[in-house]
Amino acid sequence: MVFGILSLVLCAPLGIAAWIMGNGDLKQMDAGTMDPSGRSNTSAGRICGIIGTVLLIIGVVFGIITMSIAIFAAVAAHH
């Protein structure tokens, strides 16, 4: 859950780790090899990780589009 929250507040790449760790923990809980009492916190962390990852992807795509437009505008201004 901590990585999921941090991915939203400080460092978006932690969302990937939270998502992966949350999935693994939930699978272990379903298999009975991990105490299921923390399922709600694990699910919340996983969801925060998913949101952080999606926001990271949106930010990267936005950055690429912005850079592309800036490069195109600079090239067009020289012609």
PDB file of N, CA and C in Angstrom:
ATOM      1  N   MET A   1       0.827  -1.190   0.000  1.00  0.00           N
ATOM      2  CA  MET A   1       0.000   0.000   0.000  1.00  0.00           C
ATOM      3  C   MET A   1       0.873   1.255   0.000  1.00  0.00           C
ATOM      4  N   VAL A   2       1.998   1.178   0.675  1.00  0.00           N
ATOM      5  CA  VAL A   2       2.896   2.332   0.749  1.00  0.00           C
ATOM      6  C   VAL A   2       3.396   2.714  -0.640  1.00  0.00           C
ATOM      7  N   PHE A   3       3.851   1.732  -1.425  1.00  0.00           N
ATOM      8  CA  PHE A   3       4.325   2.029  -2.779  1.00  0.00           C
ATOM      9  C   PHE A   3       3.208   2.637  -3.620  1.00  0.00           C
ATOM     10  N   GLY A   4       2.005   2.140  -3.470  1.00  0.00           N
ATOM     11  CA  GLY A   4       0.873   2.664  -4.228  1.00  0.00           C
ATOM     12  C   GLY A   4       0.609   4.117  -3.914  1.00  0.00           C
ATOM     13  N   ILE A   5       0.636   4.468  -2.647  1.00  0.00           N
ATOM     14  CA  ILE A   5       0.413   5.860  -2.244  1.00  0.00           C
ATOM     15  C   ILE A   5       1.568   6.731  -2.709  1.00  0.00           C
ATOM     16  N   LEU A   6       2.794   6.262  -2.535  1.00  0.00           N
ATOM     17  CA  LEU A   6       3.955   7.031  -2.984  1.00  0.00           C
ATOM     18  C   LEU A   6       3.942   7.245  -4.487  1.00  0.00           C
ATOM     19  N   SER A   7       3.410   6.271  -5.230  1.00  0.00           N
ATOM     20  CA  SER A   7       3.352   6.425  -6.686  1.00  0.00           C
ATOM     21  C   SER A   7       2.427   7.578  -7.076  1.00  0.00           C
ATOM     22  N   LEU A   8       1.423   7.844  -6.272  1.00  0.00           N
ATOM     23  CA  LEU A   8       0.501   8.937  -6.560  1.00  0.00           C
ATOM     24  C   LEU A   8       1.048  10.287  -6.108  1.00  0.00           C
ATOM     25  N   VAL A   9       1.869  10.270  -5.056  1.00  0.00           N
ATOM     26  CA  VAL A   9       2.318  11.517  -4.447  1.00  0.00           C
ATOM     27  C   VAL A   9       3.717  11.940  -4.910  1.00  0.00           C
ATOM     28  N   LEU A  10       4.651  11.005  -4.930  1.00  0.00           N
ATOM     29  CA  LEU A  10       6.045  11.373  -5.169  1.00  0.00           C
ATOM     30  C   LEU A  10       6.659  10.816  -6.444  1.00  0.00           C
ATOM     31  N   CYS A  11       6.528   9.532  -6.637  1.00  0.00           N
ATOM     32  CA  CYS A  11       7.325   8.866  -7.665  1.00  0.00           C
ATOM     33  C   CYS A  11       6.461   7.853  -8.419  1.00  0.00           C
ATOM     34  N   ALA A  12       5.952   8.261  -9.567  1.00  0.00           N
ATOM     35  CA  ALA A  12       5.027   7.424 -10.324  1.00  0.00           C
ATOM     36  C   ALA A  12       5.557   6.028 -10.661  1.00  0.00           C
ATOM     37  N   PRO A  13       6.857   5.835 -10.954  1.00  0.00           N
ATOM     38  CA  PRO A  13       7.316   4.473 -11.264  1.00  0.00           C
ATOM     39  C   PRO A  13       7.109   3.464 -10.128  1.00  0.00           C
ATOM     40  N   LEU A  14       6.943   3.927  -8.908  1.00  0.00           N
ATOM     41  CA  LEU A  14       6.647   3.000  -7.811  1.00  0.00           C
ATOM     42  C   LEU A  14       5.290   2.332  -7.997  1.00  0.00           C
ATOM     43  N   GLY A  15       4.438   2.924  -8.824  1.00  0.00           N
ATOM     44  CA  GLY A  15       3.130   2.329  -9.100  1.00  0.00           C
ATOM     45  C   GLY A  15       3.256   0.969  -9.752  1.00  0.00           C
ATOM     46  N   ILE A  16       4.249   0.813 -10.606  1.00  0.00           N
ATOM     47  CA  ILE A  16       4.472  -0.481 -11.261  1.00  0.00           C
ATOM     48  C   ILE A  16       4.809  -1.532 -10.211  1.00  0.00           C
ATOM     49  N   ALA A  17       5.699  -1.176  -9.281  1.00  0.00           N
ATOM     50  CA  ALA A  17       6.079  -2.110  -8.213  1.00  0.00           C
ATOM     51  C   ALA A  17       4.878  -2.437  -7.326  1.00  0.00           C
ATOM     52  N   ALA A  18       4.083  -1.432  -6.989  1.00  0.00           N
ATOM     53  CA  ALA A  18       2.906  -1.660  -6.141  1.00  0.00           C
ATOM     54  C   ALA A  18       1.906  -2.573  -6.836  1.00  0.00           C
ATOM     55  N   TRP A  19       1.725  -2.392  -8.112  1.00  0.00           N
ATOM     56  CA  TRP A  19       0.797  -3.206  -8.888  1.00  0.00           C
ATOM     57  C   TRP A  19       1.269  -4.652  -8.921  1.00  0.00           C
ATOM     58  N   ILE A  20       2.530  -4.857  -9.214  1.00  0.00           N
ATOM     59  CA  ILE A  20       3.089  -6.213  -9.280  1.00  0.00           C
ATOM     60  C   ILE A  20       3.066  -6.885  -7.912  1.00  0.00           C
ATOM     61  N   MET A  21       3.509  -6.166  -6.885  1.00  0.00           N
ATOM     62  CA  MET A  21       3.529  -6.746  -5.536  1.00  0.00           C
ATOM     63  C   MET A  21       2.118  -7.054  -5.042  1.00  0.00           C
ATOM     64  N   GLY A  22       1.170  -6.149  -5.333  1.00  0.00           N
ATOM     65  CA  GLY A  22      -0.214  -6.376  -4.930  1.00  0.00           C
ATOM     66  C   GLY A  22      -0.802  -7.607  -5.591  1.00  0.00           C
ATOM     67  N   ASN A  23      -0.533  -7.768  -6.885  1.00  0.00           N
ATOM     68  CA  ASN A  23      -1.022  -8.960  -7.583  1.00  0.00           C
ATOM     69  C   ASN A  23      -0.453 -10.230  -6.969  1.00  0.00           C
ATOM     70  N   GLY A  24       0.850 -10.205  -6.681  1.00  0.00           N
ATOM     71  CA  GLY A  24       1.491 -11.385  -6.091  1.00  0.00           C
ATOM     72  C   GLY A  24       0.929 -11.717  -4.721  1.00  0.00           C
ATOM     73  N   ASP A  25       0.748 -10.691  -3.900  1.00  0.00           N
ATOM     74  CA  ASP A  25       0.204 -10.923  -2.562  1.00  0.00           C
ATOM     75  C   ASP A  25      -1.226 -11.441  -2.609  1.00  0.00           C
ATOM     76  N   LEU A  26      -2.040 -10.897  -3.511  1.00  0.00           N
ATOM     77  CA  LEU A  26      -3.426 -11.368  -3.622  1.00  0.00           C
ATOM     78  C   LEU A  26      -3.476 -12.823  -4.088  1.00  0.00           C
ATOM     79  N   LYS A  27      -2.575 -13.197  -4.992  1.00  0.00           N
ATOM     80  CA  LYS A  27      -2.508 -14.596  -5.432  1.00  0.00           C
ATOM     81  C   LYS A  27      -2.118 -15.500  -4.267  1.00  0.00           C
ATOM     82  N   GLN A  28      -1.171 -15.044  -3.449  1.00  0.00           N
ATOM     83  CA  GLN A  28      -0.770 -15.844  -2.283  1.00  0.00           C
ATOM     84  C   GLN A  28      -1.907 -15.954  -1.281  1.00  0.00           C
ATOM     85  N   MET A  29      -2.670 -14.892  -1.103  1.00  0.00           N
ATOM     86  CA  MET A  29      -3.815 -14.937  -0.196  1.00  0.00           C
ATOM     87  C   MET A  29      -4.867 -15.917  -0.723  1.00  0.00           C
ATOM     88  N   ASP A  30      -5.098 -15.887  -2.024  1.00  0.00           N
ATOM     89  CA  ASP A  30      -6.073 -16.813  -2.625  1.00  0.00           C
ATOM     90  C   ASP A  30      -5.616 -18.259  -2.499  1.00  0.00           C
ATOM     91  N   ALA A  31      -4.297 -18.478  -2.568  1.00  0.00           N
ATOM     92  CA  ALA A  31      -3.754 -19.833  -2.463  1.00  0.00           C
ATOM     93  C   ALA A  31      -3.664 -20.307  -1.016  1.00  0.00           C
ATOM     94  N   GLY A  32      -3.867 -19.385  -0.068  1.00  0.00           N
ATOM     95  CA  GLY A  32      -3.818 -19.749   1.340  1.00  0.00           C
ATOM     96  C   GLY A  32      -2.425 -19.730   1.936  1.00  0.00           C
ATOM     97  N   THR A  33      -1.448 -19.204   1.209  1.00  0.00           N
ATOM     98  CA  THR A  33      -0.079 -19.160   1.733  1.00  0.00           C
ATOM     99  C   THR A  33       0.252 -17.836   2.412  1.00  0.00           C
ATOM    100  N   MET A  34      -0.693 -16.894   2.406  1.00  0.00           N
ATOM    101  CA  MET A  34      -0.495 -15.603   3.072  1.00  0.00           C
ATOM    102  C   MET A  34      -1.754 -15.275   3.858  1.00  0.00           C
ATOM    103  N   ASP A  35      -1.567 -14.648   5.002  1.00  0.00           N
ATOM    104  CA  ASP A  35      -2.685 -14.265   5.862  1.00  0.00           C
ATOM    105  C   ASP A  35      -3.596 -13.286   5.111  1.00  0.00           C
ATOM    106  N   PRO A  36      -4.870 -13.622   4.952  1.00  0.00           N
ATOM    107  CA  PRO A  36      -5.778 -12.764   4.188  1.00  0.00           C
ATOM    108  C   PRO A  36      -6.302 -11.547   4.954  1.00  0.00           C
ATOM    109  N   SER A  37      -5.868 -11.328   6.180  1.00  0.00           N
ATOM    110  CA  SER A  37      -6.395 -10.206   6.952  1.00  0.00           C
ATOM    111  C   SER A  37      -6.006  -8.852   6.355  1.00  0.00           C
ATOM    112  N   GLY A  38      -4.951  -8.806   5.560  1.00  0.00           N
ATOM    113  CA  GLY A  38      -4.536  -7.548   4.945  1.00  0.00           C
ATOM    114  C   GLY A  38      -5.025  -7.364   3.523  1.00  0.00           C
ATOM    115  N   ARG A  39      -6.037  -8.144   3.141  1.00  0.00           N
ATOM    116  CA  ARG A  39      -6.525  -8.106   1.754  1.00  0.00           C
ATOM    117  C   ARG A  39      -6.992  -6.710   1.343  1.00  0.00           C
ATOM    118  N   SER A  40      -7.715  -6.012   2.206  1.00  0.00           N
ATOM    119  CA  SER A  40      -8.239  -4.693   1.820  1.00  0.00           C
ATOM    120  C   SER A  40      -7.104  -3.696   1.607  1.00  0.00           C
ATOM    121  N   ASN A  41      -6.097  -3.717   2.488  1.00  0.00           N
ATOM    122  CA  ASN A  41      -4.947  -2.825   2.306  1.00  0.00           C
ATOM    123  C   ASN A  41      -4.159  -3.193   1.059  1.00  0.00           C
ATOM    124  N   THR A  42      -4.012  -4.482   0.805  1.00  0.00           N
ATOM    125  CA  THR A  42      -3.302  -4.930  -0.387  1.00  0.00           C
ATOM    126  C   THR A  42      -4.045  -4.505  -1.645  1.00  0.00           C
ATOM    127  N   SER A  43      -5.353  -4.658  -1.637  1.00  0.00           N
ATOM    128  CA  SER A  43      -6.157  -4.230  -2.791  1.00  0.00           C
ATOM    129  C   SER A  43      -6.071  -2.721  -2.993  1.00  0.00           C
ATOM    130  N   ALA A  44      -6.120  -1.970  -1.915  1.00  0.00           N
ATOM    131  CA  ALA A  44      -6.011  -0.510  -2.014  1.00  0.00           C
ATOM    132  C   ALA A  44      -4.653  -0.105  -2.580  1.00  0.00           C
ATOM    133  N   GLY A  45      -3.587  -0.745  -2.113  1.00  0.00           N
ATOM    134  CA  GLY A  45      -2.254  -0.453  -2.631  1.00  0.00           C
ATOM    135  C   GLY A  45      -2.133  -0.800  -4.097  1.00  0.00           C
ATOM    136  N   ARG A  46      -2.713  -1.925  -4.482  1.00  0.00           N
ATOM    137  CA  ARG A  46      -2.689  -2.355  -5.882  1.00  0.00           C
ATOM    138  C   ARG A  46      -3.440  -1.358  -6.757  1.00  0.00           C
ATOM    139  N   ILE A  47      -4.598  -0.903  -6.302  1.00  0.00           N
ATOM    140  CA  ILE A  47      -5.380   0.068  -7.066  1.00  0.00           C
ATOM    141  C   ILE A  47      -4.627   1.395  -7.179  1.00  0.00           C
ATOM    142  N   CYS A  48      -4.009   1.842  -6.096  1.00  0.00           N
ATOM    143  CA  CYS A  48      -3.193   3.065  -6.162  1.00  0.00           C
ATOM    144  C   CYS A  48      -2.040   2.871  -7.144  1.00  0.00           C
ATOM    145  N   GLY A  49      -1.452   1.682  -7.153  1.00  0.00           N
ATOM    146  CA  GLY A  49      -0.374   1.381  -8.095  1.00  0.00           C
ATOM    147  C   GLY A  49      -0.848   1.431  -9.537  1.00  0.00           C
ATOM    148  N   ILE A  50      -2.034   0.905  -9.786  1.00  0.00           N
ATOM    149  CA  ILE A  50      -2.601   0.949 -11.141  1.00  0.00           C
ATOM    150  C   ILE A  50      -2.832   2.396 -11.560  1.00  0.00           C
ATOM    151  N   ILE A  51      -3.408   3.184 -10.673  1.00  0.00           N
ATOM    152  CA  ILE A  51      -3.671   4.589 -10.980  1.00  0.00           C
ATOM    153  C   ILE A  51      -2.356   5.333 -11.223  1.00  0.00           C
ATOM    154  N   GLY A  52      -1.359   5.099 -10.364  1.00  0.00           N
ATOM    155  CA  GLY A  52      -0.058   5.741 -10.541  1.00  0.00           C
ATOM    156  C   GLY A  52       0.585   5.365 -11.860  1.00  0.00           C
ATOM    157  N   THR A  53       0.468   4.100 -12.251  1.00  0.00           N
ATOM    158  CA  THR A  53       1.042   3.634 -13.517  1.00  0.00           C
ATOM    159  C   THR A  53       0.333   4.276 -14.700  1.00  0.00           C
ATOM    160  N   VAL A  54      -0.986   4.345 -14.648  1.00  0.00           N
ATOM    161  CA  VAL A  54      -1.752   4.972 -15.734  1.00  0.00           C
ATOM    162  C   VAL A  54      -1.387   6.453 -15.840  1.00  0.00           C
ATOM    163  N   LEU A  55      -1.275   7.139 -14.709  1.00  0.00           N
ATOM    164  CA  LEU A  55      -0.889   8.552 -14.746  1.00  0.00           C
ATOM    165  C   LEU A  55       0.523   8.725 -15.301  1.00  0.00           C
ATOM    166  N   LEU A  56       1.427   7.798 -14.979  1.00  0.00           N
ATOM    167  CA  LEU A  56       2.779   7.836 -15.528  1.00  0.00           C
ATOM    168  C   LEU A  56       2.736   7.700 -17.041  1.00  0.00           C
ATOM    169  N   ILE A  57       1.971   6.745 -17.541  1.00  0.00           N
ATOM    170  CA  ILE A  57       1.867   6.526 -18.981  1.00  0.00           C
ATOM    171  C   ILE A  57       1.279   7.755 -19.668  1.00  0.00           C
ATOM    172  N   ILE A  58       0.231   8.325 -19.085  1.00  0.00           N
ATOM    173  CA  ILE A  58      -0.366   9.534 -19.654  1.00  0.00           C
ATOM    174  C   ILE A  58       0.656  10.667 -19.687  1.00  0.00           C
ATOM    175  N   GLY A  59       1.430  10.819 -18.623  1.00  0.00           N
ATOM    176  CA  GLY A  59       2.451  11.859 -18.578  1.00  0.00           C
ATOM    177  C   GLY A  59       3.529  11.667 -19.625  1.00  0.00           C
ATOM    178  N   VAL A  60       3.964  10.429 -19.808  1.00  0.00           N
ATOM    179  CA  VAL A  60       4.984  10.144 -20.819  1.00  0.00           C
ATOM    180  C   VAL A  60       4.444  10.429 -22.215  1.00  0.00           C
ATOM    181  N   VAL A  61       3.223   9.982 -22.497  1.00  0.00           N
ATOM    182  CA  VAL A  61       2.621  10.233 -23.808  1.00  0.00           C
ATOM    183  C   VAL A  61       2.463  11.734 -24.038  1.00  0.00           C
ATOM    184  N   PHE A  62       2.004  12.453 -23.034  1.00  0.00           N
ATOM    185  CA  PHE A  62       1.852  13.909 -23.145  1.00  0.00           C
ATOM    186  C   PHE A  62       3.208  14.568 -23.402  1.00  0.00           C
ATOM    187  N   GLY A  63       4.239  14.110 -22.698  1.00  0.00           N
ATOM    188  CA  GLY A  63       5.581  14.655 -22.903  1.00  0.00           C
ATOM    189  C   GLY A  63       6.094  14.400 -24.310  1.00  0.00           C
ATOM    190  N   ILE A  64       5.869  13.205 -24.821  1.00  0.00           N
ATOM    191  CA  ILE A  64       6.303  12.878 -26.179  1.00  0.00           C
ATOM    192  C   ILE A  64       5.562  13.739 -27.204  1.00  0.00           C
ATOM    193  N   ILE A  65       4.268  13.905 -27.019  1.00  0.00           N
ATOM    194  CA  ILE A  65       3.484  14.736 -27.938  1.00  0.00           C
ATOM    195  C   ILE A  65       3.960  16.184 -27.874  1.00  0.00           C
ATOM    196  N   THR A  66       4.183  16.695 -26.677  1.00  0.00           N
ATOM    197  CA  THR A  66       4.642  18.065 -26.509  1.00  0.00           C
ATOM    198  C   THR A  66       6.003  18.277 -27.169  1.00  0.00           C
ATOM    199  N   MET A  67       6.916  17.340 -26.956  1.00  0.00           N
ATOM    200  CA  MET A  67       8.243  17.443 -27.574  1.00  0.00           C
ATOM    201  C   MET A  67       8.129  17.374 -29.091  1.00  0.00           C
ATOM    202  N   SER A  68       7.276  16.504 -29.596  1.00  0.00           N
ATOM    203  CA  SER A  68       7.094  16.376 -31.044  1.00  0.00           C
ATOM    204  C   SER A  68       6.567  17.667 -31.650  1.00  0.00           C
ATOM    205  N   ILE A  69       5.601  18.260 -30.977  1.00  0.00           N
ATOM    206  CA  ILE A  69       5.047  19.532 -31.470  1.00  0.00           C
ATOM    207  C   ILE A  69       6.114  20.624 -31.436  1.00  0.00           C
ATOM    208  N   ALA A  70       6.885  20.678 -30.361  1.00  0.00           N
ATOM    209  CA  ALA A  70       7.936  21.685 -30.250  1.00  0.00           C
ATOM    210  C   ALA A  70       8.994  21.510 -31.335  1.00  0.00           C
ATOM    211  N   ILE A  71       9.385  20.278 -31.594  1.00  0.00           N
ATOM    212  CA  ILE A  71      10.380  20.017 -32.635  1.00  0.00           C
ATOM    213  C   ILE A  71       9.812  20.382 -34.004  1.00  0.00           C
ATOM    214  N   PHE A  72       8.577  19.984 -34.253  1.00  0.00           N
ATOM    215  CA  PHE A  72       7.930  20.310 -35.525  1.00  0.00           C
ATOM    216  C   PHE A  72       7.840  21.830 -35.715  1.00  0.00           C
ATOM    217  N   ALA A  73       7.461  22.538 -34.665  1.00  0.00           N
ATOM    218  CA  ALA A  73       7.343  23.997 -34.751  1.00  0.00           C
ATOM    219  C   ALA A  73       8.711  24.630 -35.003  1.00  0.00           C
ATOM    220  N   ALA A  74       9.750  24.116 -34.371  1.00  0.00           N
ATOM    221  CA  ALA A  74      11.100  24.669 -34.570  1.00  0.00           C
ATOM    222  C   ALA A  74      11.576  24.426 -35.989  1.00  0.00           C
ATOM    223  N   VAL A  75      11.324  23.241 -36.519  1.00  0.00           N
ATOM    224  CA  VAL A  75      11.722  22.921 -37.891  1.00  0.00           C
ATOM    225  C   VAL A  75      10.913  23.773 -38.878  1.00  0.00           C
ATOM    226  N   ALA A  76       9.638  23.921 -38.634  1.00  0.00           N
ATOM    227  CA  ALA A  76       8.781  24.710 -39.524  1.00  0.00           C
ATOM    228  C   ALA A  76       9.163  26.184 -39.500  1.00  0.00           C
ATOM    229  N   ALA A  77       9.640  26.684 -38.364  1.00  0.00           N
ATOM    230  CA  ALA A  77      10.019  28.090 -38.245  1.00  0.00           C
ATOM    231  C   ALA A  77      11.282  28.400 -39.048  1.00  0.00           C
ATOM    232  N   HIS A  78      12.109  27.413 -39.286  1.00  0.00           N
ATOM    233  CA  HIS A  78      13.343  27.620 -40.025  1.00  0.00           C
ATOM    234  C   HIS A  78      13.143  27.547 -41.533  1.00  0.00           C
ATOM    235  N   HIS A  79      11.966  27.176 -41.979  1.00  0.00           N
ATOM    236  CA  HIS A  79      11.715  27.073 -43.418  1.00  0.00           C
ATOM    237  C   HIS A  79      10.887  28.177 -43.897  1.00  0.00           C
TER     238      HIS A  79
END
